[in-house]
Amino acid sequence: MNKKGQALVEYVLIIALISVVIIGIVNMFGGYLKDSMTKSSCELVGEEYQKGAKAGEGTCVPKSN
């Protein structure tokens, strides 16, 4: 009878499921992504990357001569 409303609900459910999966992936690998961005920014500003205790905790430190 009202197939358009049913299709809309199905699309919303699919988008919600995809969103939950993407959020889960980012939570699992977020620290590694943050580390790779930090490494790149350290190189841009001429500093050295120092690895942290856990993924995502790395920082830039001035280069020692």
PDB file of N, CA and C in Angstrom:
ATOM      1  N   MET A   1       0.824  -1.185   0.000  1.00  0.00           N
ATOM      2  CA  MET A   1       0.000   0.000   0.000  1.00  0.00           C
ATOM      3  C   MET A   1       0.875   1.258   0.000  1.00  0.00           C
ATOM      4  N   ASN A   2       1.640   1.463   1.067  1.00  0.00           N
ATOM      5  CA  ASN A   2       2.530   2.620   1.128  1.00  0.00           C
ATOM      6  C   ASN A   2       3.965   2.129   1.045  1.00  0.00           C
ATOM      7  N   LYS A   3       4.384   1.761  -0.159  1.00  0.00           N
ATOM      8  CA  LYS A   3       5.717   1.171  -0.377  1.00  0.00           C
ATOM      9  C   LYS A   3       6.825   2.205  -0.257  1.00  0.00           C
ATOM     10  N   LYS A   4       6.524   3.486  -0.540  1.00  0.00           N
ATOM     11  CA  LYS A   4       7.551   4.514  -0.464  1.00  0.00           C
ATOM     12  C   LYS A   4       8.022   4.700   0.974  1.00  0.00           C
ATOM     13  N   GLY A   5       7.129   4.678   1.911  1.00  0.00           N
ATOM     14  CA  GLY A   5       7.492   4.821   3.324  1.00  0.00           C
ATOM     15  C   GLY A   5       8.312   3.632   3.803  1.00  0.00           C
ATOM     16  N   GLN A   6       7.969   2.444   3.332  1.00  0.00           N
ATOM     17  CA  GLN A   6       8.711   1.247   3.703  1.00  0.00           C
ATOM     18  C   GLN A   6      10.139   1.322   3.151  1.00  0.00           C
ATOM     19  N   ALA A   7      10.296   1.752   1.928  1.00  0.00           N
ATOM     20  CA  ALA A   7      11.618   1.854   1.317  1.00  0.00           C
ATOM     21  C   ALA A   7      12.475   2.886   2.054  1.00  0.00           C
ATOM     22  N   LEU A   8      11.865   3.998   2.462  1.00  0.00           N
ATOM     23  CA  LEU A   8      12.596   5.024   3.193  1.00  0.00           C
ATOM     24  C   LEU A   8      13.112   4.479   4.519  1.00  0.00           C
ATOM     25  N   VAL A   9      12.284   3.745   5.232  1.00  0.00           N
ATOM     26  CA  VAL A   9      12.698   3.152   6.509  1.00  0.00           C
ATOM     27  C   VAL A   9      13.843   2.172   6.276  1.00  0.00           C
ATOM     28  N   GLU A  10      13.779   1.389   5.222  1.00  0.00           N
ATOM     29  CA  GLU A  10      14.850   0.438   4.923  1.00  0.00           C
ATOM     30  C   GLU A  10      16.164   1.157   4.626  1.00  0.00           C
ATOM     31  N   TYR A  11      16.105   2.241   3.877  1.00  0.00           N
ATOM     32  CA  TYR A  11      17.318   3.015   3.587  1.00  0.00           C
ATOM     33  C   TYR A  11      17.900   3.620   4.858  1.00  0.00           C
ATOM     34  N   VAL A  12      17.050   4.127   5.736  1.00  0.00           N
ATOM     35  CA  VAL A  12      17.519   4.705   6.993  1.00  0.00           C
ATOM     36  C   VAL A  12      18.187   3.629   7.854  1.00  0.00           C
ATOM     37  N   LEU A  13      17.622   2.440   7.893  1.00  0.00           N
ATOM     38  CA  LEU A  13      18.227   1.352   8.667  1.00  0.00           C
ATOM     39  C   LEU A  13      19.581   0.938   8.097  1.00  0.00           C
ATOM     40  N   ILE A  14      19.694   0.899   6.779  1.00  0.00           N
ATOM     41  CA  ILE A  14      20.966   0.550   6.139  1.00  0.00           C
ATOM     42  C   ILE A  14      22.020   1.608   6.451  1.00  0.00           C
ATOM     43  N   ILE A  15      21.650   2.883   6.344  1.00  0.00           N
ATOM     44  CA  ILE A  15      22.590   3.965   6.643  1.00  0.00           C
ATOM     45  C   ILE A  15      23.007   3.919   8.112  1.00  0.00           C
ATOM     46  N   ALA A  16      22.084   3.627   9.011  1.00  0.00           N
ATOM     47  CA  ALA A  16      22.412   3.532  10.436  1.00  0.00           C
ATOM     48  C   ALA A  16      23.383   2.379  10.692  1.00  0.00           C
ATOM     49  N   LEU A  17      23.174   1.249  10.050  1.00  0.00           N
ATOM     50  CA  LEU A  17      24.065   0.103  10.215  1.00  0.00           C
ATOM     51  C   LEU A  17      25.467   0.415   9.706  1.00  0.00           C
ATOM     52  N   ILE A  18      25.548   1.047   8.547  1.00  0.00           N
ATOM     53  CA  ILE A  18      26.846   1.429   7.989  1.00  0.00           C
ATOM     54  C   ILE A  18      27.552   2.418   8.918  1.00  0.00           C
ATOM     55  N   SER A  19      26.811   3.357   9.478  1.00  0.00           N
ATOM     56  CA  SER A  19      27.391   4.335  10.402  1.00  0.00           C
ATOM     57  C   SER A  19      27.964   3.661  11.646  1.00  0.00           C
ATOM     58  N   VAL A  20      27.238   2.699  12.191  1.00  0.00           N
ATOM     59  CA  VAL A  20      27.714   1.985  13.379  1.00  0.00           C
ATOM     60  C   VAL A  20      28.994   1.219  13.063  1.00  0.00           C
ATOM     61  N   VAL A  21      29.064   0.597  11.893  1.00  0.00           N
ATOM     62  CA  VAL A  21      30.263  -0.147  11.496  1.00  0.00           C
ATOM     63  C   VAL A  21      31.449   0.804  11.337  1.00  0.00           C
ATOM     64  N   ILE A  22      31.239   1.936  10.694  1.00  0.00           N
ATOM     65  CA  ILE A  22      32.333   2.902  10.493  1.00  0.00           C
ATOM     66  C   ILE A  22      32.814   3.453  11.836  1.00  0.00           C
ATOM     67  N   ILE A  23      31.905   3.759  12.741  1.00  0.00           N
ATOM     68  CA  ILE A  23      32.293   4.258  14.061  1.00  0.00           C
ATOM     69  C   ILE A  23      33.115   3.208  14.802  1.00  0.00           C
ATOM     70  N   GLY A  24      32.728   1.947  14.698  1.00  0.00           N
ATOM     71  CA  GLY A  24      33.482   0.871  15.334  1.00  0.00           C
ATOM     72  C   GLY A  24      34.887   0.740  14.768  1.00  0.00           C
ATOM     73  N   ILE A  25      35.011   0.853  13.448  1.00  0.00           N
ATOM     74  CA  ILE A  25      36.327   0.754  12.810  1.00  0.00           C
ATOM     75  C   ILE A  25      37.221   1.911  13.241  1.00  0.00           C
ATOM     76  N   VAL A  26      36.669   3.113  13.267  1.00  0.00           N
ATOM     77  CA  VAL A  26      37.464   4.276  13.680  1.00  0.00           C
ATOM     78  C   VAL A  26      37.887   4.140  15.144  1.00  0.00           C
ATOM     79  N   ASN A  27      37.027   3.611  15.997  1.00  0.00           N
ATOM     80  CA  ASN A  27      37.400   3.417  17.401  1.00  0.00           C
ATOM     81  C   ASN A  27      38.513   2.386  17.543  1.00  0.00           C
ATOM     82  N   MET A  28      38.487   1.340  16.719  1.00  0.00           N
ATOM     83  CA  MET A  28      39.513   0.299  16.791  1.00  0.00           C
ATOM     84  C   MET A  28      40.864   0.796  16.282  1.00  0.00           C
ATOM     85  N   PHE A  29      40.868   1.519  15.173  1.00  0.00           N
ATOM     86  CA  PHE A  29      42.102   1.928  14.527  1.00  0.00           C
ATOM     87  C   PHE A  29      42.410   3.417  14.680  1.00  0.00           C
ATOM     88  N   GLY A  30      41.663   4.126  15.486  1.00  0.00           N
ATOM     89  CA  GLY A  30      41.836   5.566  15.638  1.00  0.00           C
ATOM     90  C   GLY A  30      43.209   5.963  16.141  1.00  0.00           C
ATOM     91  N   GLY A  31      43.754   5.189  17.081  1.00  0.00           N
ATOM     92  CA  GLY A  31      45.070   5.505  17.619  1.00  0.00           C
ATOM     93  C   GLY A  31      46.151   5.410  16.559  1.00  0.00           C
ATOM     94  N   TYR A  32      46.050   4.409  15.705  1.00  0.00           N
ATOM     95  CA  TYR A  32      47.035   4.240  14.640  1.00  0.00           C
ATOM     96  C   TYR A  32      46.923   5.371  13.613  1.00  0.00           C
ATOM     97  N   LEU A  33      45.701   5.789  13.337  1.00  0.00           N
ATOM     98  CA  LEU A  33      45.503   6.916  12.425  1.00  0.00           C
ATOM     99  C   LEU A  33      46.085   8.195  13.022  1.00  0.00           C
ATOM    100  N   LYS A  34      45.861   8.389  14.308  1.00  0.00           N
ATOM    101  CA  LYS A  34      46.391   9.582  14.982  1.00  0.00           C
ATOM    102  C   LYS A  34      47.918   9.570  14.962  1.00  0.00           C
ATOM    103  N   ASP A  35      48.520   8.402  15.197  1.00  0.00           N
ATOM    104  CA  ASP A  35      49.977   8.299  15.158  1.00  0.00           C
ATOM    105  C   ASP A  35      50.534   8.632  13.782  1.00  0.00           C
ATOM    106  N   SER A  36      49.903   8.145  12.735  1.00  0.00           N
ATOM    107  CA  SER A  36      50.415   8.431  11.390  1.00  0.00           C
ATOM    108  C   SER A  36      50.288   9.913  11.051  1.00  0.00           C
ATOM    109  N   MET A  37      49.231  10.569  11.518  1.00  0.00           N
ATOM    110  CA  MET A  37      49.097  12.005  11.284  1.00  0.00           C
ATOM    111  C   MET A  37      50.117  12.781  12.101  1.00  0.00           C
ATOM    112  N   THR A  38      50.386  12.319  13.323  1.00  0.00           N
ATOM    113  CA  THR A  38      51.378  12.980  14.157  1.00  0.00           C
ATOM    114  C   THR A  38      52.772  12.855  13.547  1.00  0.00           C
ATOM    115  N   LYS A  39      53.096  11.676  13.011  1.00  0.00           N
ATOM    116  CA  LYS A  39      54.394  11.480  12.351  1.00  0.00           C
ATOM    117  C   LYS A  39      54.562  12.466  11.194  1.00  0.00           C
ATOM    118  N   SER A  40      53.514  12.611  10.404  1.00  0.00           N
ATOM    119  CA  SER A  40      53.576  13.528   9.264  1.00  0.00           C
ATOM    120  C   SER A  40      53.763  14.967   9.723  1.00  0.00           C
ATOM    121  N   SER A  41      53.041  15.366  10.756  1.00  0.00           N
ATOM    122  CA  SER A  41      53.161  16.747  11.227  1.00  0.00           C
ATOM    123  C   SER A  41      54.524  16.998  11.865  1.00  0.00           C
ATOM    124  N   CYS A  42      55.100  15.988  12.509  1.00  0.00           N
ATOM    125  CA  CYS A  42      56.449  16.147  13.081  1.00  0.00           C
ATOM    126  C   CYS A  42      57.455  16.426  11.975  1.00  0.00           C
ATOM    127  N   GLU A  43      57.347  15.699  10.879  1.00  0.00           N
ATOM    128  CA  GLU A  43      58.265  15.917   9.763  1.00  0.00           C
ATOM    129  C   GLU A  43      58.097  17.308   9.163  1.00  0.00           C
ATOM    130  N   LEU A  44      56.867  17.790   9.098  1.00  0.00           N
ATOM    131  CA  LEU A  44      56.614  19.109   8.522  1.00  0.00           C
ATOM    132  C   LEU A  44      57.218  20.235   9.354  1.00  0.00           C
ATOM    133  N   VAL A  45      57.206  20.095  10.669  1.00  0.00           N
ATOM    134  CA  VAL A  45      57.729  21.158  11.525  1.00  0.00           C
ATOM    135  C   VAL A  45      59.186  20.928  11.926  1.00  0.00           C
ATOM    136  N   GLY A  46      59.800  19.864  11.408  1.00  0.00           N
ATOM    137  CA  GLY A  46      61.208  19.607  11.664  1.00  0.00           C
ATOM    138  C   GLY A  46      61.496  19.035  13.036  1.00  0.00           C
ATOM    139  N   GLU A  47      60.539  18.320  13.591  1.00  0.00           N
ATOM    140  CA  GLU A  47      60.747  17.687  14.889  1.00  0.00           C
ATOM    141  C   GLU A  47      60.804  16.171  14.720  1.00  0.00           C
ATOM    142  N   GLU A  48      61.105  15.496  15.823  1.00  0.00           N
ATOM    143  CA  GLU A  48      61.248  14.054  15.824  1.00  0.00           C
ATOM    144  C   GLU A  48      60.008  13.429  16.451  1.00  0.00           C
ATOM    145  N   TYR A  49      59.561  12.313  15.897  1.00  0.00           N
ATOM    146  CA  TYR A  49      58.398  11.605  16.444  1.00  0.00           C
ATOM    147  C   TYR A  49      58.854  10.702  17.581  1.00  0.00           C
ATOM    148  N   GLN A  50      58.167  10.795  18.716  1.00  0.00           N
ATOM    149  CA  GLN A  50      58.465   9.930  19.846  1.00  0.00           C
ATOM    150  C   GLN A  50      57.251   9.050  20.101  1.00  0.00           C
ATOM    151  N   LYS A  51      57.460   7.742  20.010  1.00  0.00           N
ATOM    152  CA  LYS A  51      56.371   6.785  20.165  1.00  0.00           C
ATOM    153  C   LYS A  51      55.859   6.790  21.605  1.00  0.00           C
ATOM    154  N   GLY A  52      54.553   6.694  21.770  1.00  0.00           N
ATOM    155  CA  GLY A  52      53.952   6.658  23.095  1.00  0.00           C
ATOM    156  C   GLY A  52      53.803   5.236  23.603  1.00  0.00           C
ATOM    157  N   ALA A  53      53.289   5.098  24.813  1.00  0.00           N
ATOM    158  CA  ALA A  53      53.093   3.780  25.408  1.00  0.00           C
ATOM    159  C   ALA A  53      52.015   2.992  24.674  1.00  0.00           C
ATOM    160  N   LYS A  54      50.986   3.672  24.196  1.00  0.00           N
ATOM    161  CA  LYS A  54      49.899   3.030  23.458  1.00  0.00           C
ATOM    162  C   LYS A  54      49.715   3.737  22.126  1.00  0.00           C
ATOM    163  N   ALA A  55      48.972   3.098  21.261  1.00  0.00           N
ATOM    164  CA  ALA A  55      48.666   3.706  19.962  1.00  0.00           C
ATOM    165  C   ALA A  55      47.893   5.003  20.181  1.00  0.00           C
ATOM    166  N   GLY A  56      48.330   6.063  19.498  1.00  0.00           N
ATOM    167  CA  GLY A  56      47.670   7.353  19.605  1.00  0.00           C
ATOM    168  C   GLY A  56      48.288   8.283  20.624  1.00  0.00           C
ATOM    169  N   GLU A  57      49.324   7.818  21.343  1.00  0.00           N
ATOM    170  CA  GLU A  57      49.936   8.643  22.368  1.00  0.00           C
ATOM    171  C   GLU A  57      51.288   9.209  21.946  1.00  0.00           C
ATOM    172  N   GLY A  58      51.676   9.055  20.690  1.00  0.00           N
ATOM    173  CA  GLY A  58      52.942   9.585  20.217  1.00  0.00           C
ATOM    174  C   GLY A  58      52.928  11.100  20.173  1.00  0.00           C
ATOM    175  N   THR A  59      54.117  11.693  20.318  1.00  0.00           N
ATOM    176  CA  THR A  59      54.223  13.152  20.314  1.00  0.00           C
ATOM    177  C   THR A  59      55.436  13.589  19.503  1.00  0.00           C
ATOM    178  N   CYS A  60      55.483  14.870  19.224  1.00  0.00           N
ATOM    179  CA  CYS A  60      56.630  15.475  18.555  1.00  0.00           C
ATOM    180  C   CYS A  60      57.543  16.072  19.620  1.00  0.00           C
ATOM    181  N   VAL A  61      58.840  15.843  19.461  1.00  0.00           N
ATOM    182  CA  VAL A  61      59.827  16.422  20.371  1.00  0.00           C
ATOM    183  C   VAL A  61      60.895  17.093  19.531  1.00  0.00           C
ATOM    184  N   PRO A  62      61.508  18.151  20.061  1.00  0.00           N
ATOM    185  CA  PRO A  62      62.576  18.812  19.291  1.00  0.00           C
ATOM    186  C   PRO A  62      63.720  17.830  19.025  1.00  0.00           C
ATOM    187  N   LYS A  63      64.318  17.974  17.834  1.00  0.00           N
ATOM    188  CA  LYS A  63      65.444  17.104  17.471  1.00  0.00           C
ATOM    189  C   LYS A  63      66.644  17.404  18.345  1.00  0.00           C
ATOM    190  N   SER A  64      67.313  16.336  18.785  1.00  0.00           N
ATOM    191  CA  SER A  64      68.534  16.526  19.569  1.00  0.00           C
ATOM    192  C   SER A  64      69.725  16.469  18.619  1.00  0.00           C
ATOM    193  N   ASN A  65      70.645  17.394  18.773  1.00  0.00           N
ATOM    194  CA  ASN A  65      71.809  17.460  17.893  1.00  0.00           C
ATOM    195  C   ASN A  65      73.001  16.793  18.481  1.00  0.00           C
TER     196      ASN A  65
END
